[in-house]
Amino acid sequence: MNQVILLTGGSSGIGAATAILLAQEGNHVYAGSRSGRLPEDLKPESLAACRGFVRAMALDVNDASSLQSAVENICREEGRLDVLVCNAGNGIAGAIEQTNEEEAKYQFETCFFGAVKSIQACLPTFRAQGHGKIITVTSVAAVIPLPYQAFYSAVKAALLSLTQSLQLELKPFHIQCCSILPGDTKTGFTAARKYTKAAQDSSSPYYKAMMASVQKMEKDEQNGMSAQVIARAIARQVRRRRMSISVTPRIDYWAIGLLVRLLPRRLVLWIVGLLY
């Protein structure tokens, strides 16, 4: 059965790849983004291969009324909503000491509270239907603390924990939750990363170490897996009758995540410190 899907952050990167793949598999995908643009790389040949469709929606996950209108419009047109994929996000870099409150709030506003608002907008519909799927895109950084991207790690860890708590709360309503934890992925996210204002001061005592660490991370990202790998992991969960609680695409990142949970925390931090 074709599923009706609301996807946030759907115009580029992982969101765009996911929207196209889900539509090719026959689903009705409403790709939300602030720009309201169709996903990048959605070429005529991609459309021809779609058994479903992708429809762009102007959507701001930081605006509860925008989300409510989007859900109402989808339900009016389709008569139901089956899946929410929370993918919208952003990233900042800088030392914790040199990240002010406004910059930290910027990190949490879209990645965490935007996901919360998206979920809250969809839950009344899911409960009324007696079914629904919620997929959040977090990160391996949720379980591996990154220096100079501490707020990104923190927000992804918070989203991971929130999703697992949701699974407990929503089980009586037959609503399933799953987190996808990508590792290094080659997307435009790298170029879009923002540095805190103080982090850009070359006289900062953190400057050299911060720049070396973040540049290493960005190199890993640009040599990382494609967005299509993550899109396939999301699509598998959409197809499944019972979703996994969490999925880390690619065996090497899955193994890293397992080691992080098994090894002493001091050893984990020592290893991360050697890498970055």
C-alpha atoms as a PDB file:
ATOM      1  CA  MET A   1       0.000   0.000   0.000  1.00  0.00           C
ATOM      2  CA  ASN A   2       1.331   3.414  -0.941  1.00  0.00           C
ATOM      3  CA  GLN A   3       1.994   5.536   2.143  1.00  0.00           C
ATOM      4  CA  VAL A   4       1.441   9.249   2.680  1.00  0.00           C
ATOM      5  CA  ILE A   5       4.592  10.825   4.062  1.00  0.00           C
ATOM      6  CA  LEU A   6       5.490  14.235   5.464  1.00  0.00           C
ATOM      7  CA  LEU A   7       9.242  14.822   5.225  1.00  0.00           C
ATOM      8  CA  THR A   8      10.888  17.888   6.745  1.00  0.00           C
ATOM      9  CA  GLY A   9      14.122  19.285   5.349  1.00  0.00           C
ATOM     10  CA  GLY A  10      13.167  17.747   2.035  1.00  0.00           C
ATOM     11  CA  SER A  11      14.746  20.064  -0.524  1.00  0.00           C
ATOM     12  CA  SER A  12      18.407  19.012  -0.282  1.00  0.00           C
ATOM     13  CA  GLY A  13      20.881  16.449   1.016  1.00  0.00           C
ATOM     14  CA  ILE A  14      19.505  13.427   2.854  1.00  0.00           C
ATOM     15  CA  GLY A  15      15.973  14.820   2.677  1.00  0.00           C
ATOM     16  CA  ALA A  16      16.055  15.222  -1.093  1.00  0.00           C
ATOM     17  CA  ALA A  17      17.492  11.734  -1.654  1.00  0.00           C
ATOM     18  CA  THR A  18      14.872  10.261   0.677  1.00  0.00           C
ATOM     19  CA  ALA A  19      11.973  12.073  -0.981  1.00  0.00           C
ATOM     20  CA  ILE A  20      12.970  10.838  -4.440  1.00  0.00           C
ATOM     21  CA  LEU A  21      13.502   7.235  -3.332  1.00  0.00           C
ATOM     22  CA  LEU A  22      10.231   7.056  -1.398  1.00  0.00           C
ATOM     23  CA  ALA A  23       8.334   8.451  -4.389  1.00  0.00           C
ATOM     24  CA  GLN A  24      10.011   5.954  -6.714  1.00  0.00           C
ATOM     25  CA  GLU A  25       8.746   3.200  -4.402  1.00  0.00           C
ATOM     26  CA  GLY A  26       5.188   4.425  -4.876  1.00  0.00           C
ATOM     27  CA  ASN A  27       4.635   6.694  -1.896  1.00  0.00           C
ATOM     28  CA  HIS A  28       3.026  10.126  -1.792  1.00  0.00           C
ATOM     29  CA  VAL A  29       5.763  12.365  -0.401  1.00  0.00           C
ATOM     30  CA  TYR A  30       5.176  15.902   0.830  1.00  0.00           C
ATOM     31  CA  ALA A  31       8.661  17.400   1.023  1.00  0.00           C
ATOM     32  CA  GLY A  32       8.623  20.346   3.391  1.00  0.00           C
ATOM     33  CA  SER A  33      11.257  23.072   3.507  1.00  0.00           C
ATOM     34  CA  ARG A  34      11.439  26.784   4.177  1.00  0.00           C
ATOM     35  CA  SER A  35      12.100  27.422   0.485  1.00  0.00           C
ATOM     36  CA  GLY A  36       9.208  25.255  -0.674  1.00  0.00           C
ATOM     37  CA  ARG A  37      11.446  23.976  -3.487  1.00  0.00           C
ATOM     38  CA  LEU A  38      11.274  20.547  -5.033  1.00  0.00           C
ATOM     39  CA  PRO A  39      14.137  18.272  -3.945  1.00  0.00           C
ATOM     40  CA  GLU A  40      17.434  18.859  -5.700  1.00  0.00           C
ATOM     41  CA  ASP A  41      18.322  16.195  -8.298  1.00  0.00           C
ATOM     42  CA  LEU A  42      14.628  15.577  -9.023  1.00  0.00           C
ATOM     43  CA  LYS A  43      15.130  15.340 -12.786  1.00  0.00           C
ATOM     44  CA  PRO A  44      12.487  14.418 -15.389  1.00  0.00           C
ATOM     45  CA  GLU A  45      13.869  10.873 -15.560  1.00  0.00           C
ATOM     46  CA  SER A  46      13.520  10.603 -11.773  1.00  0.00           C
ATOM     47  CA  LEU A  47       9.900  11.690 -12.008  1.00  0.00           C
ATOM     48  CA  ALA A  48       9.267   9.191 -14.778  1.00  0.00           C
ATOM     49  CA  ALA A  49      10.532   6.404 -12.548  1.00  0.00           C
ATOM     50  CA  CYS A  50       8.211   7.390  -9.696  1.00  0.00           C
ATOM     51  CA  ARG A  51       5.185   5.243  -8.981  1.00  0.00           C
ATOM     52  CA  GLY A  52       4.199   7.835  -6.411  1.00  0.00           C
ATOM     53  CA  PHE A  53       4.978  11.546  -6.345  1.00  0.00           C
ATOM     54  CA  VAL A  54       6.919  14.267  -4.584  1.00  0.00           C
ATOM     55  CA  ARG A  55       5.128  17.505  -3.797  1.00  0.00           C
ATOM     56  CA  ALA A  56       7.042  20.476  -2.395  1.00  0.00           C
ATOM     57  CA  MET A  57       5.565  22.313   0.592  1.00  0.00           C
ATOM     58  CA  ALA A  58       6.658  25.626   2.087  1.00  0.00           C
ATOM     59  CA  LEU A  59       7.091  24.641   5.713  1.00  0.00           C
ATOM     60  CA  ASP A  60       8.895  26.092   8.728  1.00  0.00           C
ATOM     61  CA  VAL A  61       9.418  23.530  11.495  1.00  0.00           C
ATOM     62  CA  ASN A  62       9.962  26.376  13.951  1.00  0.00           C
ATOM     63  CA  ASP A  63       6.405  27.600  13.350  1.00  0.00           C
ATOM     64  CA  ALA A  64       3.701  25.409  14.911  1.00  0.00           C
ATOM     65  CA  SER A  65       0.947  27.015  12.807  1.00  0.00           C
ATOM     66  CA  SER A  66       2.880  26.274   9.604  1.00  0.00           C
ATOM     67  CA  LEU A  67       3.145  22.619  10.613  1.00  0.00           C
ATOM     68  CA  GLN A  68      -0.516  22.418  11.604  1.00  0.00           C
ATOM     69  CA  SER A  69      -1.576  23.843   8.243  1.00  0.00           C
ATOM     70  CA  ALA A  70       0.663  21.380   6.418  1.00  0.00           C
ATOM     71  CA  VAL A  71      -0.842  18.374   8.241  1.00  0.00           C
ATOM     72  CA  GLU A  72      -4.381  19.636   7.658  1.00  0.00           C
ATOM     73  CA  ASN A  73      -3.724  20.176   3.939  1.00  0.00           C
ATOM     74  CA  ILE A  74      -2.244  16.700   3.537  1.00  0.00           C
ATOM     75  CA  CYS A  75      -5.137  15.044   5.357  1.00  0.00           C
ATOM     76  CA  ARG A  76      -7.658  17.053   3.361  1.00  0.00           C
ATOM     77  CA  GLU A  77      -6.071  15.887   0.120  1.00  0.00           C
ATOM     78  CA  GLU A  78      -5.139  12.317   1.058  1.00  0.00           C
ATOM     79  CA  GLY A  79      -7.559  11.447   3.829  1.00  0.00           C
ATOM     80  CA  ARG A  80      -4.712  10.255   6.032  1.00  0.00           C
ATOM     81  CA  LEU A  81      -1.062  10.662   7.010  1.00  0.00           C
ATOM     82  CA  ASP A  82       1.028   7.541   7.555  1.00  0.00           C
ATOM     83  CA  VAL A  83       4.621   8.632   8.184  1.00  0.00           C
ATOM     84  CA  LEU A  84       6.525  11.636   9.525  1.00  0.00           C
ATOM     85  CA  VAL A  85      10.250  11.889   8.760  1.00  0.00           C
ATOM     86  CA  CYS A  86      11.961  14.569  10.868  1.00  0.00           C
ATOM     87  CA  ASN A  87      15.044  15.492   8.887  1.00  0.00           C
ATOM     88  CA  ALA A  88      15.332  19.292   9.081  1.00  0.00           C
ATOM     89  CA  GLY A  89      18.521  20.389  10.797  1.00  0.00           C
ATOM     90  CA  ASN A  90      21.570  22.656  10.982  1.00  0.00           C
ATOM     91  CA  GLY A  91      25.005  22.712  12.571  1.00  0.00           C
ATOM     92  CA  ILE A  92      27.296  25.062  14.468  1.00  0.00           C
ATOM     93  CA  ALA A  93      30.957  24.745  15.409  1.00  0.00           C
ATOM     94  CA  GLY A  94      32.946  26.382  18.183  1.00  0.00           C
ATOM     95  CA  ALA A  95      34.214  25.832  21.706  1.00  0.00           C
ATOM     96  CA  ILE A  96      31.585  25.531  24.429  1.00  0.00           C
ATOM     97  CA  GLU A  97      33.061  28.507  26.304  1.00  0.00           C
ATOM     98  CA  GLN A  98      32.761  30.620  23.166  1.00  0.00           C
ATOM     99  CA  THR A  99      29.182  29.704  22.248  1.00  0.00           C
ATOM    100  CA  ASN A 100      26.673  32.241  23.495  1.00  0.00           C
ATOM    101  CA  GLU A 101      23.096  31.484  24.459  1.00  0.00           C
ATOM    102  CA  GLU A 102      21.646  32.761  21.185  1.00  0.00           C
ATOM    103  CA  GLU A 103      23.973  30.537  19.145  1.00  0.00           C
ATOM    104  CA  ALA A 104      23.167  27.487  21.277  1.00  0.00           C
ATOM    105  CA  LYS A 105      19.446  28.176  20.909  1.00  0.00           C
ATOM    106  CA  TYR A 106      19.919  28.385  17.124  1.00  0.00           C
ATOM    107  CA  GLN A 107      21.293  24.837  17.194  1.00  0.00           C
ATOM    108  CA  PHE A 108      18.436  23.469  19.277  1.00  0.00           C
ATOM    109  CA  GLU A 109      15.600  25.437  17.670  1.00  0.00           C
ATOM    110  CA  THR A 110      15.458  23.537  14.380  1.00  0.00           C
ATOM    111  CA  CYS A 111      17.131  20.219  15.200  1.00  0.00           C
ATOM    112  CA  PHE A 112      15.276  19.535  18.444  1.00  0.00           C
ATOM    113  CA  PHE A 113      12.306  21.822  18.967  1.00  0.00           C
ATOM    114  CA  GLY A 114      11.532  21.773  15.250  1.00  0.00           C
ATOM    115  CA  ALA A 115      11.264  17.984  15.465  1.00  0.00           C
ATOM    116  CA  VAL A 116       9.145  18.257  18.614  1.00  0.00           C
ATOM    117  CA  LYS A 117       6.750  20.672  16.916  1.00  0.00           C
ATOM    118  CA  SER A 118       6.561  18.419  13.853  1.00  0.00           C
ATOM    119  CA  ILE A 119       5.750  15.384  15.970  1.00  0.00           C
ATOM    120  CA  GLN A 120       3.171  17.241  18.043  1.00  0.00           C
ATOM    121  CA  ALA A 121       1.445  18.449  14.865  1.00  0.00           C
ATOM    122  CA  CYS A 122       1.101  14.889  13.529  1.00  0.00           C
ATOM    123  CA  LEU A 123       0.203  12.975  16.694  1.00  0.00           C
ATOM    124  CA  PRO A 124      -3.523  13.860  16.863  1.00  0.00           C
ATOM    125  CA  THR A 125      -3.945  12.492  13.331  1.00  0.00           C
ATOM    126  CA  PHE A 126      -1.910   9.364  14.075  1.00  0.00           C
ATOM    127  CA  ARG A 127      -3.873   8.651  17.256  1.00  0.00           C
ATOM    128  CA  ALA A 128      -7.221   9.168  15.529  1.00  0.00           C
ATOM    129  CA  GLN A 129      -6.178   6.746  12.773  1.00  0.00           C
ATOM    130  CA  GLY A 130      -4.780   4.187  15.196  1.00  0.00           C
ATOM    131  CA  HIS A 131      -1.472   4.026  13.355  1.00  0.00           C
ATOM    132  CA  GLY A 132       1.518   6.093  12.290  1.00  0.00           C
ATOM    133  CA  LYS A 133       5.298   6.053  11.986  1.00  0.00           C
ATOM    134  CA  ILE A 134       7.744   8.676  13.252  1.00  0.00           C
ATOM    135  CA  ILE A 135      11.314   8.581  11.951  1.00  0.00           C
ATOM    136  CA  THR A 136      13.880  11.020  13.326  1.00  0.00           C
ATOM    137  CA  VAL A 137      17.241  11.606  11.667  1.00  0.00           C
ATOM    138  CA  THR A 138      19.797  11.984  14.451  1.00  0.00           C
ATOM    139  CA  SER A 139      23.523  11.174  14.078  1.00  0.00           C
ATOM    140  CA  VAL A 140      26.340   8.949  15.269  1.00  0.00           C
ATOM    141  CA  ALA A 141      27.390  12.173  17.027  1.00  0.00           C
ATOM    142  CA  ALA A 142      24.498  11.449  19.411  1.00  0.00           C
ATOM    143  CA  VAL A 143      26.555   8.646  20.977  1.00  0.00           C
ATOM    144  CA  ILE A 144      30.076   9.950  20.220  1.00  0.00           C
ATOM    145  CA  PRO A 145      30.714  13.383  21.776  1.00  0.00           C
ATOM    146  CA  LEU A 146      32.463  15.669  19.312  1.00  0.00           C
ATOM    147  CA  PRO A 147      34.796  18.444  20.462  1.00  0.00           C
ATOM    148  CA  TYR A 148      33.962  21.886  19.055  1.00  0.00           C
ATOM    149  CA  GLN A 149      30.606  20.559  17.882  1.00  0.00           C
ATOM    150  CA  ALA A 150      29.359  19.887  21.387  1.00  0.00           C
ATOM    151  CA  PHE A 151      25.976  21.493  20.843  1.00  0.00           C
ATOM    152  CA  TYR A 152      25.420  19.454  17.682  1.00  0.00           C
ATOM    153  CA  SER A 153      26.247  16.257  19.602  1.00  0.00           C
ATOM    154  CA  ALA A 154      23.999  17.385  22.450  1.00  0.00           C
ATOM    155  CA  VAL A 155      21.015  18.157  20.253  1.00  0.00           C
ATOM    156  CA  LYS A 156      21.288  14.850  18.403  1.00  0.00           C
ATOM    157  CA  ALA A 157      21.584  12.958  21.688  1.00  0.00           C
ATOM    158  CA  ALA A 158      18.502  14.778  22.950  1.00  0.00           C
ATOM    159  CA  LEU A 159      16.566  13.869  19.807  1.00  0.00           C
ATOM    160  CA  LEU A 160      17.623  10.231  20.096  1.00  0.00           C
ATOM    161  CA  SER A 161      16.470  10.077  23.717  1.00  0.00           C
ATOM    162  CA  LEU A 162      13.218  11.858  22.891  1.00  0.00           C
ATOM    163  CA  THR A 163      12.429   9.358  20.139  1.00  0.00           C
ATOM    164  CA  GLN A 164      12.936   6.405  22.460  1.00  0.00           C
ATOM    165  CA  SER A 165      10.745   7.994  25.135  1.00  0.00           C
ATOM    166  CA  LEU A 166       8.107   8.577  22.464  1.00  0.00           C
ATOM    167  CA  GLN A 167       8.164   4.885  21.581  1.00  0.00           C
ATOM    168  CA  LEU A 168       7.177   4.099  25.168  1.00  0.00           C
ATOM    169  CA  GLU A 169       4.433   6.723  25.324  1.00  0.00           C
ATOM    170  CA  LEU A 170       2.914   5.944  21.934  1.00  0.00           C
ATOM    171  CA  LYS A 171       2.898   2.155  22.011  1.00  0.00           C
ATOM    172  CA  PRO A 172      -0.748   2.003  23.253  1.00  0.00           C
ATOM    173  CA  PHE A 173      -1.786   4.001  20.182  1.00  0.00           C
ATOM    174  CA  HIS A 174       0.042   1.698  17.709  1.00  0.00           C
ATOM    175  CA  ILE A 175       2.380   4.505  16.682  1.00  0.00           C
ATOM    176  CA  GLN A 176       5.962   3.416  16.008  1.00  0.00           C
ATOM    177  CA  CYS A 177       9.159   5.441  16.414  1.00  0.00           C
ATOM    178  CA  CYS A 178      12.620   4.965  14.926  1.00  0.00           C
ATOM    179  CA  SER A 179      15.872   6.942  14.918  1.00  0.00           C
ATOM    180  CA  ILE A 180      18.305   6.874  12.003  1.00  0.00           C
ATOM    181  CA  LEU A 181      21.918   7.610  13.006  1.00  0.00           C
ATOM    182  CA  PRO A 182      24.002   8.580   9.956  1.00  0.00           C
ATOM    183  CA  GLY A 183      27.766   8.696  10.137  1.00  0.00           C
ATOM    184  CA  ASP A 184      29.867  10.938   7.901  1.00  0.00           C
ATOM    185  CA  THR A 185      27.723  11.756   4.867  1.00  0.00           C
ATOM    186  CA  LYS A 186      28.590  13.828   1.812  1.00  0.00           C
ATOM    187  CA  THR A 187      25.958  16.579   1.553  1.00  0.00           C
ATOM    188  CA  GLY A 188      25.697  20.349   1.499  1.00  0.00           C
ATOM    189  CA  PHE A 189      25.463  20.248   5.289  1.00  0.00           C
ATOM    190  CA  THR A 190      29.251  20.639   5.483  1.00  0.00           C
ATOM    191  CA  ALA A 191      29.289  23.943   3.611  1.00  0.00           C
ATOM    192  CA  ALA A 192      26.233  25.190   5.510  1.00  0.00           C
ATOM    193  CA  ARG A 193      27.820  24.672   8.951  1.00  0.00           C
ATOM    194  CA  LYS A 194      28.155  27.930  10.889  1.00  0.00           C
ATOM    195  CA  TYR A 195      30.954  28.932  13.223  1.00  0.00           C
ATOM    196  CA  THR A 196      30.171  30.806  16.410  1.00  0.00           C
ATOM    197  CA  LYS A 197      31.235  34.441  16.367  1.00  0.00           C
ATOM    198  CA  ALA A 198      33.955  34.009  18.977  1.00  0.00           C
ATOM    199  CA  ALA A 199      35.276  30.877  17.260  1.00  0.00           C
ATOM    200  CA  GLN A 200      36.270  32.973  14.235  1.00  0.00           C
ATOM    201  CA  ASP A 201      38.709  35.064  16.283  1.00  0.00           C
ATOM    202  CA  SER A 202      42.206  33.800  15.431  1.00  0.00           C
ATOM    203  CA  SER A 203      43.517  35.068  18.781  1.00  0.00           C
ATOM    204  CA  SER A 204      41.208  32.677  20.647  1.00  0.00           C
ATOM    205  CA  PRO A 205      43.043  30.071  22.759  1.00  0.00           C
ATOM    206  CA  TYR A 206      40.820  27.435  21.124  1.00  0.00           C
ATOM    207  CA  TYR A 207      41.240  28.632  17.540  1.00  0.00           C
ATOM    208  CA  LYS A 208      43.989  26.335  16.216  1.00  0.00           C
ATOM    209  CA  ALA A 209      42.661  23.159  17.838  1.00  0.00           C
ATOM    210  CA  MET A 210      39.079  23.983  16.845  1.00  0.00           C
ATOM    211  CA  MET A 211      39.942  24.652  13.201  1.00  0.00           C
ATOM    212  CA  ALA A 212      42.060  21.491  12.939  1.00  0.00           C
ATOM    213  CA  SER A 213      39.318  19.355  14.483  1.00  0.00           C
ATOM    214  CA  VAL A 214      36.448  20.742  12.421  1.00  0.00           C
ATOM    215  CA  GLN A 215      38.464  20.606   9.193  1.00  0.00           C
ATOM    216  CA  LYS A 216      39.202  16.934   9.895  1.00  0.00           C
ATOM    217  CA  MET A 217      35.479  16.324  10.433  1.00  0.00           C
ATOM    218  CA  GLU A 218      34.575  18.169   7.251  1.00  0.00           C
ATOM    219  CA  LYS A 219      37.101  16.147   5.260  1.00  0.00           C
ATOM    220  CA  ASP A 220      35.579  12.949   6.651  1.00  0.00           C
ATOM    221  CA  GLU A 221      32.101  14.197   5.698  1.00  0.00           C
ATOM    222  CA  GLN A 222      33.066  14.992   2.128  1.00  0.00           C
ATOM    223  CA  ASN A 223      34.671  11.557   1.800  1.00  0.00           C
ATOM    224  CA  GLY A 224      31.760   9.877   3.544  1.00  0.00           C
ATOM    225  CA  MET A 225      28.804   7.846   2.355  1.00  0.00           C
ATOM    226  CA  SER A 226      26.263   9.247  -0.076  1.00  0.00           C
ATOM    227  CA  ALA A 227      22.891  10.626   0.971  1.00  0.00           C
ATOM    228  CA  GLN A 228      21.317   7.709  -0.920  1.00  0.00           C
ATOM    229  CA  VAL A 229      22.691   5.275   1.694  1.00  0.00           C
ATOM    230  CA  ILE A 230      20.737   7.069   4.410  1.00  0.00           C
ATOM    231  CA  ALA A 231      17.695   7.368   2.150  1.00  0.00           C
ATOM    232  CA  ARG A 232      17.674   3.583   1.664  1.00  0.00           C
ATOM    233  CA  ALA A 233      17.856   3.049   5.429  1.00  0.00           C
ATOM    234  CA  ILE A 234      14.853   5.342   5.940  1.00  0.00           C
ATOM    235  CA  ALA A 235      12.899   3.714   3.102  1.00  0.00           C
ATOM    236  CA  ARG A 236      13.464   0.263   4.612  1.00  0.00           C
ATOM    237  CA  GLN A 237      11.857   1.394   7.853  1.00  0.00           C
ATOM    238  CA  VAL A 238       8.928   2.934   5.980  1.00  0.00           C
ATOM    239  CA  ARG A 239       8.331  -0.430   4.272  1.00  0.00           C
ATOM    240  CA  ARG A 240       8.653  -2.523   7.425  1.00  0.00           C
ATOM    241  CA  ARG A 241       5.582  -3.620   9.318  1.00  0.00           C
ATOM    242  CA  ARG A 242       7.481  -3.154  12.597  1.00  0.00           C
ATOM    243  CA  MET A 243      10.217  -0.557  12.587  1.00  0.00           C
ATOM    244  CA  SER A 244      13.537  -0.902  14.403  1.00  0.00           C
ATOM    245  CA  ILE A 245      14.031   1.334  17.430  1.00  0.00           C
ATOM    246  CA  SER A 246      17.264   2.731  15.976  1.00  0.00           C
ATOM    247  CA  VAL A 247      19.299   2.147  12.836  1.00  0.00           C
ATOM    248  CA  THR A 248      22.928   3.055  12.147  1.00  0.00           C
ATOM    249  CA  PRO A 249      23.519   2.705   8.385  1.00  0.00           C
ATOM    250  CA  ARG A 250      26.700   0.910   7.291  1.00  0.00           C
ATOM    251  CA  ILE A 251      28.350  -1.801   9.319  1.00  0.00           C
ATOM    252  CA  ASP A 252      31.450   0.194  10.305  1.00  0.00           C
ATOM    253  CA  TYR A 253      29.438   2.957  11.946  1.00  0.00           C
ATOM    254  CA  TRP A 254      27.205   0.367  13.605  1.00  0.00           C
ATOM    255  CA  ALA A 255      30.323  -1.327  15.021  1.00  0.00           C
ATOM    256  CA  ILE A 256      31.677   2.012  16.266  1.00  0.00           C
ATOM    257  CA  GLY A 257      28.400   2.690  18.018  1.00  0.00           C
ATOM    258  CA  LEU A 258      28.525  -0.737  19.660  1.00  0.00           C
ATOM    259  CA  LEU A 259      32.089  -0.212  20.874  1.00  0.00           C
ATOM    260  CA  VAL A 260      31.186   3.185  22.316  1.00  0.00           C
ATOM    261  CA  ARG A 261      28.483   1.529  24.425  1.00  0.00           C
ATOM    262  CA  LEU A 262      30.772  -1.304  25.579  1.00  0.00           C
ATOM    263  CA  LEU A 263      34.077   0.465  26.244  1.00  0.00           C
ATOM    264  CA  PRO A 264      34.802   2.481  29.399  1.00  0.00           C
ATOM    265  CA  ARG A 265      33.815   6.105  28.886  1.00  0.00           C
ATOM    266  CA  ARG A 266      37.277   7.419  29.699  1.00  0.00           C
ATOM    267  CA  LEU A 267      38.729   5.217  26.945  1.00  0.00           C
ATOM    268  CA  VAL A 268      36.095   6.397  24.461  1.00  0.00           C
ATOM    269  CA  LEU A 269      36.914  10.052  25.183  1.00  0.00           C
ATOM    270  CA  TRP A 270      40.640   9.338  24.861  1.00  0.00           C
ATOM    271  CA  ILE A 271      40.116   7.770  21.417  1.00  0.00           C
ATOM    272  CA  VAL A 272      37.917  10.649  20.231  1.00  0.00           C
ATOM    273  CA  GLY A 273      40.563  13.067  21.478  1.00  0.00           C
ATOM    274  CA  LEU A 274      43.201  11.304  19.360  1.00  0.00           C
ATOM    275  CA  LEU A 275      40.989  11.570  16.279  1.00  0.00           C
ATOM    276  CA  TYR A 276      40.011  15.207  16.714  1.00  0.00           C
END
